[in-house]
Amino acid sequence: NPEGYKTTVTADNAYNAKKAVEYSYKWTDSESAVRNPSFGVYDYYGGNCQNFASQCLYAGGIPMDIKGRIELQWKWYGEKTDYSQSKNGRSYSWASTGYFYDYAKYNTGFGLVAELDRNLYSARVGDLIYMFVDDVAYHTVIVTDIVKDSDGNVIDLLINSNTTDKIDFPLSAYPYTDQRLVKIIGWN
């Protein structure tokens, strides 16, 4: 039961999963690619999925993080990559699945608080799922709904994604067999 799942970490500030998911519906479309012009677009550079997921988290109240060294920053203030602890450019983790996954895993102090690699079916609406191949993260999606059977057991997750835009798509229909959960707890 996702509602009864006990996390091992806490955050000083809550994540607004509802706003994150509302944002995900605004900026994905099943018939044509819709992208927020306020952020870069990475469809032609390997995919827009992490950029989209980062925007969703930001819409859900997770603040940009410029405090750590570049691999432990999460920011988008412009298109060019920027290695400084300033409100300039973007960090790798904003638009790259592997870098964001590492940011979520190793960040401490200010910024995102997440719990990784827990049971996939403990996901809640607003959490992120990462698709791996040979231990490399290739794709990111956001959970939009939980599908349960008549006994209340989770049987599937519905997701939204960018790059190949999907709306309320069943996670079980994704071709990736290595799917990993990033539970978004909040931020410090």
Protein backbone atom coordinates (compact mmCIF):
# COMPACT_ATOMS: atom_id res chain seq x y z
CA ASN A 1 0.00 0.00 0.00
CA PRO A 2 1.75 3.22 -1.14
CA GLU A 3 -0.08 5.30 1.48
CA GLY A 4 1.20 3.12 4.32
CA TYR A 5 4.78 2.87 3.06
CA LYS A 6 7.28 4.11 5.63
CA THR A 7 10.16 6.13 4.22
CA THR A 8 13.59 6.07 5.82
CA VAL A 9 14.25 9.79 5.27
CA THR A 10 12.40 12.99 6.08
CA ALA A 11 12.40 16.48 4.58
CA ASP A 12 11.92 19.92 6.12
CA ASN A 13 9.55 20.97 3.32
CA ALA A 14 6.81 19.08 1.54
CA TYR A 15 6.66 18.21 -2.15
CA ASN A 16 3.42 19.20 -3.87
CA ALA A 17 2.91 16.10 -6.01
CA LYS A 18 -0.48 17.36 -7.19
CA LYS A 19 1.07 20.48 -8.77
CA ALA A 20 3.88 18.41 -10.29
CA VAL A 21 1.41 16.05 -11.94
CA GLU A 22 -0.83 18.93 -13.09
CA TYR A 23 2.24 20.42 -14.77
CA SER A 24 2.98 17.06 -16.42
CA TYR A 25 -0.48 17.06 -18.04
CA LYS A 26 -0.01 20.61 -19.31
CA TRP A 27 3.30 19.86 -21.04
CA THR A 28 2.70 16.50 -22.68
CA ASP A 29 0.36 15.58 -25.50
CA SER A 30 -0.43 12.26 -27.16
CA GLU A 31 -0.67 13.75 -30.66
CA SER A 32 2.10 16.34 -30.86
CA ALA A 33 5.13 17.36 -28.82
CA VAL A 34 4.37 20.30 -26.53
CA ARG A 35 7.27 21.87 -24.68
CA ASN A 36 7.53 24.72 -22.21
CA PRO A 37 9.39 27.50 -24.07
CA SER A 38 10.80 28.78 -20.76
CA PHE A 39 13.18 25.78 -20.66
CA GLY A 40 15.48 24.21 -23.20
CA VAL A 41 14.29 21.34 -25.37
CA TYR A 42 16.44 18.21 -25.61
CA ASP A 43 14.40 15.96 -27.91
CA TYR A 44 17.22 15.95 -30.47
CA TYR A 45 20.00 15.44 -27.90
CA GLY A 46 19.00 12.08 -26.52
CA GLY A 47 15.56 12.99 -25.22
CA ASN A 48 13.57 15.53 -23.25
CA CYS A 49 12.39 13.17 -20.51
CA GLN A 50 14.65 14.34 -17.67
CA ASN A 51 14.19 18.00 -18.59
CA PHE A 52 10.42 17.36 -18.38
CA ALA A 53 10.72 15.48 -15.07
CA SER A 54 12.87 18.28 -13.62
CA GLN A 55 10.27 20.85 -14.65
CA CYS A 56 7.56 18.75 -12.97
CA LEU A 57 9.54 18.60 -9.71
CA TYR A 58 10.19 22.34 -9.87
CA ALA A 59 6.45 22.94 -10.40
CA GLY A 60 5.87 20.75 -7.33
CA GLY A 61 7.94 23.11 -5.19
CA ILE A 62 11.40 21.52 -5.24
CA PRO A 63 13.79 24.51 -5.45
CA MET A 64 16.77 24.64 -7.76
CA ASP A 65 19.97 23.68 -5.97
CA ILE A 66 23.20 25.58 -6.71
CA LYS A 67 24.95 24.75 -3.44
CA GLY A 68 26.98 21.63 -4.25
CA ARG A 69 29.74 20.92 -6.72
CA ILE A 70 28.44 20.51 -10.30
CA GLU A 71 27.49 16.82 -9.97
CA LEU A 72 25.45 17.70 -6.89
CA GLN A 73 23.61 20.68 -8.32
CA TRP A 74 20.20 20.77 -9.93
CA LYS A 75 19.45 23.99 -11.79
CA TRP A 76 18.21 25.55 -15.03
CA TYR A 77 18.84 29.26 -15.49
CA GLY A 78 19.79 29.02 -19.14
CA GLU A 79 20.85 26.70 -21.93
CA LYS A 80 24.63 26.59 -21.42
CA THR A 81 26.11 24.21 -18.87
CA ASP A 82 27.49 26.11 -15.91
CA TYR A 83 29.83 24.68 -13.29
CA SER A 84 29.60 27.54 -10.78
CA GLN A 85 27.49 27.82 -7.67
CA SER A 86 25.51 30.63 -9.26
CA LYS A 87 22.17 31.27 -10.91
CA ASN A 88 23.65 30.83 -14.38
CA GLY A 89 23.19 28.10 -16.96
CA ARG A 90 22.12 24.59 -16.14
CA SER A 91 23.53 21.58 -14.34
CA TYR A 92 23.93 18.20 -16.00
CA SER A 93 21.33 16.74 -13.64
CA TRP A 94 18.58 19.03 -14.92
CA ALA A 95 18.43 17.31 -18.32
CA SER A 96 20.37 14.04 -18.00
CA THR A 97 18.78 10.93 -16.49
CA GLY A 98 21.99 9.43 -15.10
CA TYR A 99 23.19 12.67 -13.56
CA PHE A 100 19.79 13.37 -11.98
CA TYR A 101 19.59 9.85 -10.59
CA ASP A 102 23.00 10.38 -8.95
CA TYR A 103 21.93 13.81 -7.67
CA ALA A 104 18.82 12.27 -6.09
CA LYS A 105 20.89 9.45 -4.60
CA TYR A 106 23.78 11.47 -3.16
CA ASN A 107 22.38 14.91 -2.39
CA THR A 108 22.45 15.93 1.26
CA GLY A 109 21.85 19.25 2.94
CA PHE A 110 19.93 21.77 0.82
CA GLY A 111 17.69 20.65 -2.04
CA LEU A 112 15.88 17.50 -3.05
CA VAL A 113 15.25 14.73 -0.55
CA ALA A 114 14.46 11.42 -2.23
CA GLU A 115 14.52 7.73 -1.46
CA LEU A 116 15.79 5.41 -4.18
CA ASP A 117 15.52 1.80 -5.17
CA ARG A 118 12.53 0.89 -3.01
CA ASN A 119 9.75 -1.44 -4.11
CA LEU A 120 8.39 -0.10 -7.41
CA TYR A 121 4.82 -0.61 -6.24
CA SER A 122 5.32 1.64 -3.23
CA ALA A 123 5.33 4.56 -5.68
CA ARG A 124 2.99 7.45 -5.08
CA VAL A 125 1.59 9.96 -7.52
CA GLY A 126 4.35 12.46 -8.33
CA ASP A 127 7.24 10.02 -7.87
CA LEU A 128 9.67 9.33 -10.72
CA ILE A 129 10.49 6.02 -12.38
CA TYR A 130 13.82 5.50 -14.15
CA MET A 131 14.34 3.01 -16.96
CA PHE A 132 17.74 1.31 -16.98
CA VAL A 133 19.61 -0.84 -19.50
CA ASP A 134 22.85 -2.49 -18.38
CA ASP A 135 22.87 -0.32 -15.23
CA VAL A 136 22.64 2.94 -17.25
CA ALA A 137 19.60 5.23 -16.83
CA TYR A 138 17.96 5.91 -20.20
CA HIS A 139 14.51 7.29 -19.53
CA THR A 140 12.45 9.08 -16.85
CA VAL A 141 8.68 9.20 -16.29
CA ILE A 142 6.40 10.68 -13.62
CA VAL A 143 3.71 8.63 -11.87
CA THR A 144 0.22 10.08 -12.47
CA ASP A 145 -2.02 7.40 -10.96
CA ILE A 146 -2.00 4.09 -9.08
CA VAL A 147 -4.03 1.15 -10.44
CA LYS A 148 -5.31 -1.26 -7.78
CA ASP A 149 -7.22 -4.49 -7.89
CA SER A 150 -10.48 -5.11 -6.00
CA ASP A 151 -8.49 -6.01 -2.85
CA GLY A 152 -6.57 -2.72 -2.91
CA ASN A 153 -3.29 -4.23 -4.14
CA VAL A 154 -1.24 -2.15 -6.58
CA ILE A 155 -1.22 -3.86 -9.97
CA ASP A 156 0.15 -1.07 -12.18
CA LEU A 157 1.23 2.55 -12.30
CA LEU A 158 0.15 5.12 -14.87
CA ILE A 159 2.76 7.59 -16.07
CA ASN A 160 3.30 10.71 -18.17
CA SER A 161 6.48 11.22 -20.16
CA ASN A 162 8.20 13.42 -22.71
CA THR A 163 10.43 12.59 -25.70
CA THR A 164 7.89 9.99 -26.80
CA ASP A 165 4.99 11.75 -25.15
CA LYS A 166 2.72 9.49 -23.16
CA ILE A 167 -0.30 10.39 -21.02
CA ASP A 168 -1.56 8.01 -18.30
CA PHE A 169 0.36 5.21 -19.98
CA PRO A 170 0.63 1.88 -18.11
CA LEU A 171 4.13 1.38 -16.74
CA SER A 172 3.73 -2.36 -17.34
CA ALA A 173 3.57 -1.65 -21.09
CA TYR A 174 7.01 0.00 -21.13
CA PRO A 175 9.63 -2.22 -22.79
CA TYR A 176 12.29 -1.60 -20.11
CA THR A 177 12.64 -4.47 -17.66
CA ASP A 178 14.89 -2.61 -15.18
CA GLN A 179 12.63 0.08 -13.71
CA ARG A 180 13.71 1.94 -10.57
CA LEU A 181 11.73 4.17 -8.26
CA VAL A 182 12.80 7.59 -7.04
CA LYS A 183 10.40 8.51 -4.23
CA ILE A 184 10.21 12.29 -3.92
CA ILE A 185 10.01 13.10 -0.21
CA GLY A 186 10.44 16.90 -0.33
CA TRP A 187 13.32 19.29 0.16
CA ASN A 188 15.59 20.77 2.81
